[in-house]
């Protein structure tokens, strides 16, 4: 017969502790969002990013969320979402070669600046143009990650409400 005493399973208390801690780690405490944003039902979208693929992906993510009705004019919208982008040079890679021959030196150098591009989302109250929300995320090689991340960041901070009928 096998001995199944607790002393032969020293990992069991650790496992139970990890399982019980998961809900605590998953429930993050976020700063409250402005009521004009949390109560908004309609949104007007503006693409000032210069990236149509990112804008299309952002539009698709908002439609999939089904939290806001996307309208065609600012006058019919509760909030205005503006998508923009920015780039800055985050890294410069330089290499060089020097050759010396009898007191004469010559060299060749190459420098490449590596840009870092960010996609920004700003949400304004439609009638007053007050800024309600702002977020940014780095764009990767493709345009799909950043728009999804921006919507996801807002979505997890918004209070749960009944979604709009399709």
Protein backbone atom coordinates (compact mmCIF):
# COMPACT_ATOMS: atom_id res chain seq x y z
CA UNK A 1 0.00 0.00 0.00
CA UNK A 2 1.27 3.47 -0.89
CA UNK A 3 1.93 6.03 1.79
CA UNK A 4 -0.11 9.17 0.91
CA UNK A 5 0.77 11.31 3.91
CA UNK A 6 1.11 15.07 3.40
CA UNK A 7 4.84 14.87 4.08
CA UNK A 8 5.35 12.95 0.82
CA UNK A 9 3.71 15.77 -1.18
CA UNK A 10 5.59 18.92 -0.12
CA UNK A 11 4.53 20.67 -3.34
CA UNK A 12 0.80 20.44 -2.50
CA UNK A 13 0.59 23.57 -0.26
CA UNK A 14 2.51 25.56 -2.88
CA UNK A 15 0.14 24.43 -5.63
CA UNK A 16 -2.96 25.26 -3.59
CA UNK A 17 -1.51 28.69 -2.76
CA UNK A 18 -0.81 29.39 -6.43
CA UNK A 19 -4.33 28.38 -7.47
CA UNK A 20 -5.89 30.60 -4.81
CA UNK A 21 -3.65 33.55 -5.75
CA UNK A 22 -4.59 33.56 -9.46
CA UNK A 23 -7.87 35.50 -9.01
CA UNK A 24 -6.04 38.04 -6.85
CA UNK A 25 -3.40 38.59 -9.51
CA UNK A 26 -6.00 38.86 -12.29
CA UNK A 27 -8.09 41.54 -10.59
CA UNK A 28 -6.17 44.75 -11.16
CA UNK A 29 -7.28 48.03 -9.71
CA UNK A 30 -7.48 50.77 -12.35
CA UNK A 31 -8.04 54.49 -11.93
CA UNK A 32 -11.64 55.47 -12.67
CA UNK A 33 -12.51 56.73 -16.13
CA UNK A 34 -14.46 59.95 -16.69
CA UNK A 35 -18.23 59.47 -16.59
CA UNK A 36 -18.59 61.08 -20.03
CA UNK A 37 -16.51 58.21 -21.42
CA UNK A 38 -18.12 55.38 -19.44
CA UNK A 39 -21.62 56.57 -20.30
CA UNK A 40 -20.87 57.21 -24.00
CA UNK A 41 -22.93 55.18 -26.43
CA UNK A 42 -21.74 56.55 -29.78
CA UNK A 43 -18.33 57.37 -31.24
CA UNK A 44 -17.04 59.29 -34.25
CA UNK A 45 -13.67 58.07 -35.55
CA UNK A 46 -10.89 60.19 -37.03
CA UNK A 47 -7.78 58.69 -38.61
CA UNK A 48 -4.82 61.04 -38.34
CA UNK A 49 -2.27 58.22 -38.18
CA UNK A 50 -1.42 57.96 -41.87
CA UNK A 51 -1.83 54.20 -41.56
CA UNK A 52 -4.98 52.85 -43.20
CA UNK A 53 -4.31 49.26 -42.13
CA UNK A 54 -4.01 50.30 -38.48
CA UNK A 55 -7.18 52.41 -38.77
CA UNK A 56 -9.11 49.55 -40.39
CA UNK A 57 -7.94 47.18 -37.64
CA UNK A 58 -8.92 49.72 -34.97
CA UNK A 59 -12.38 50.07 -36.54
CA UNK A 60 -12.78 46.27 -36.68
CA UNK A 61 -11.75 45.89 -33.00
CA UNK A 62 -14.26 48.55 -31.90
CA UNK A 63 -17.04 46.89 -33.91
CA UNK A 64 -16.17 43.48 -32.44
CA UNK A 65 -16.30 44.93 -28.91
CA UNK A 66 -19.81 46.21 -29.68
CA UNK A 67 -19.65 48.80 -26.89
CA UNK A 68 -20.15 51.91 -29.03
CA UNK A 69 -22.27 52.70 -32.05
CA UNK A 70 -19.88 54.07 -34.67
CA UNK A 71 -21.50 57.13 -36.28
CA UNK A 72 -20.61 59.18 -39.34
CA UNK A 73 -20.63 62.67 -37.84
CA UNK A 74 -19.26 64.40 -34.79
CA UNK A 75 -22.66 65.95 -34.04
CA UNK A 76 -24.25 62.52 -33.55
CA UNK A 77 -21.41 61.19 -31.37
CA UNK A 78 -20.96 61.25 -27.61
CA UNK A 79 -17.17 60.96 -27.98
CA UNK A 80 -14.59 61.40 -30.73
CA UNK A 81 -11.71 58.93 -31.03
CA UNK A 82 -8.62 60.16 -32.85
CA UNK A 83 -5.94 57.73 -33.98
CA UNK A 84 -2.48 59.27 -34.55
CA UNK A 85 1.08 58.00 -34.81
CA UNK A 86 4.54 59.26 -33.97
CA UNK A 87 8.07 58.10 -34.60
CA UNK A 88 11.31 58.78 -32.87
CA UNK A 89 14.72 57.26 -33.24
CA UNK A 90 15.19 54.85 -30.38
CA UNK A 91 18.45 53.31 -31.48
CA UNK A 92 21.38 54.10 -33.69
CA UNK A 93 23.64 51.30 -34.88
CA UNK A 94 27.12 52.29 -36.01
CA UNK A 95 29.95 50.14 -37.31
CA UNK A 96 33.32 51.13 -38.63
CA UNK A 97 36.59 49.85 -39.96
CA UNK A 98 39.97 51.55 -39.75
CA UNK A 99 43.09 50.52 -41.64
CA UNK A 100 46.52 51.83 -40.80
CA UNK A 101 49.45 51.42 -43.07
CA UNK A 102 52.73 53.13 -42.36
CA UNK A 103 51.36 56.20 -40.63
CA UNK A 104 48.38 56.67 -42.97
CA UNK A 105 44.94 55.82 -41.65
CA UNK A 106 41.72 55.46 -43.55
CA UNK A 107 38.30 54.38 -42.36
CA UNK A 108 34.80 53.53 -43.39
CA UNK A 109 31.79 53.87 -41.10
CA UNK A 110 28.13 53.05 -41.47
CA UNK A 111 25.35 54.36 -39.26
CA UNK A 112 21.72 53.28 -39.28
CA UNK A 113 19.03 54.96 -37.21
CA UNK A 114 16.28 52.57 -36.07
CA UNK A 115 12.92 54.30 -35.59
CA UNK A 116 10.38 53.39 -32.97
CA UNK A 117 6.80 54.08 -34.07
CA UNK A 118 3.86 54.48 -31.70
CA UNK A 119 0.14 54.45 -32.35
CA UNK A 120 -1.82 56.88 -30.15
CA UNK A 121 -5.51 56.96 -29.25
CA UNK A 122 -7.08 60.11 -27.85
CA UNK A 123 -10.74 60.22 -26.86
CA UNK A 124 -12.48 63.59 -26.63
CA UNK A 125 -15.94 64.57 -25.42
CA UNK A 126 -17.78 65.49 -28.60
CA UNK A 127 -19.39 68.80 -27.63
CA UNK A 128 -16.62 70.31 -25.46
CA UNK A 129 -13.51 68.65 -26.96
CA UNK A 130 -12.33 67.82 -23.41
CA UNK A 131 -9.73 65.04 -23.42
CA UNK A 132 -11.21 61.98 -21.68
CA UNK A 133 -8.67 59.26 -22.42
CA UNK A 134 -5.24 58.90 -23.97
CA UNK A 135 -3.14 55.83 -24.63
CA UNK A 136 -0.21 54.82 -26.83
CA UNK A 137 1.43 51.57 -27.79
CA UNK A 138 4.41 50.70 -29.93
CA UNK A 139 3.71 49.48 -33.43
CA UNK A 140 5.49 46.36 -34.47
CA UNK A 141 6.32 45.23 -37.99
CA UNK A 142 2.64 44.88 -38.87
CA UNK A 143 -0.21 47.26 -38.11
CA UNK A 144 -2.44 44.69 -36.38
CA UNK A 145 -1.02 44.53 -32.88
CA UNK A 146 -1.18 48.20 -31.85
CA UNK A 147 -4.88 48.89 -32.63
CA UNK A 148 -5.89 45.70 -30.82
CA UNK A 149 -3.81 46.70 -27.80
CA UNK A 150 -5.35 50.19 -27.66
CA UNK A 151 -8.90 48.81 -27.71
CA UNK A 152 -7.99 46.09 -25.21
CA UNK A 153 -6.48 48.63 -22.79
CA UNK A 154 -9.65 50.72 -22.82
CA UNK A 155 -11.94 47.71 -22.73
CA UNK A 156 -10.47 46.24 -19.55
CA UNK A 157 -10.87 49.57 -17.74
CA UNK A 158 -14.45 50.25 -18.81
CA UNK A 159 -17.28 49.16 -16.51
CA UNK A 160 -19.26 46.21 -17.80
CA UNK A 161 -22.43 47.26 -19.59
CA UNK A 162 -24.97 45.63 -21.81
CA UNK A 163 -23.60 45.53 -25.36
CA UNK A 164 -25.42 47.24 -28.20
CA UNK A 165 -27.86 45.16 -30.28
CA UNK A 166 -26.47 44.11 -33.63
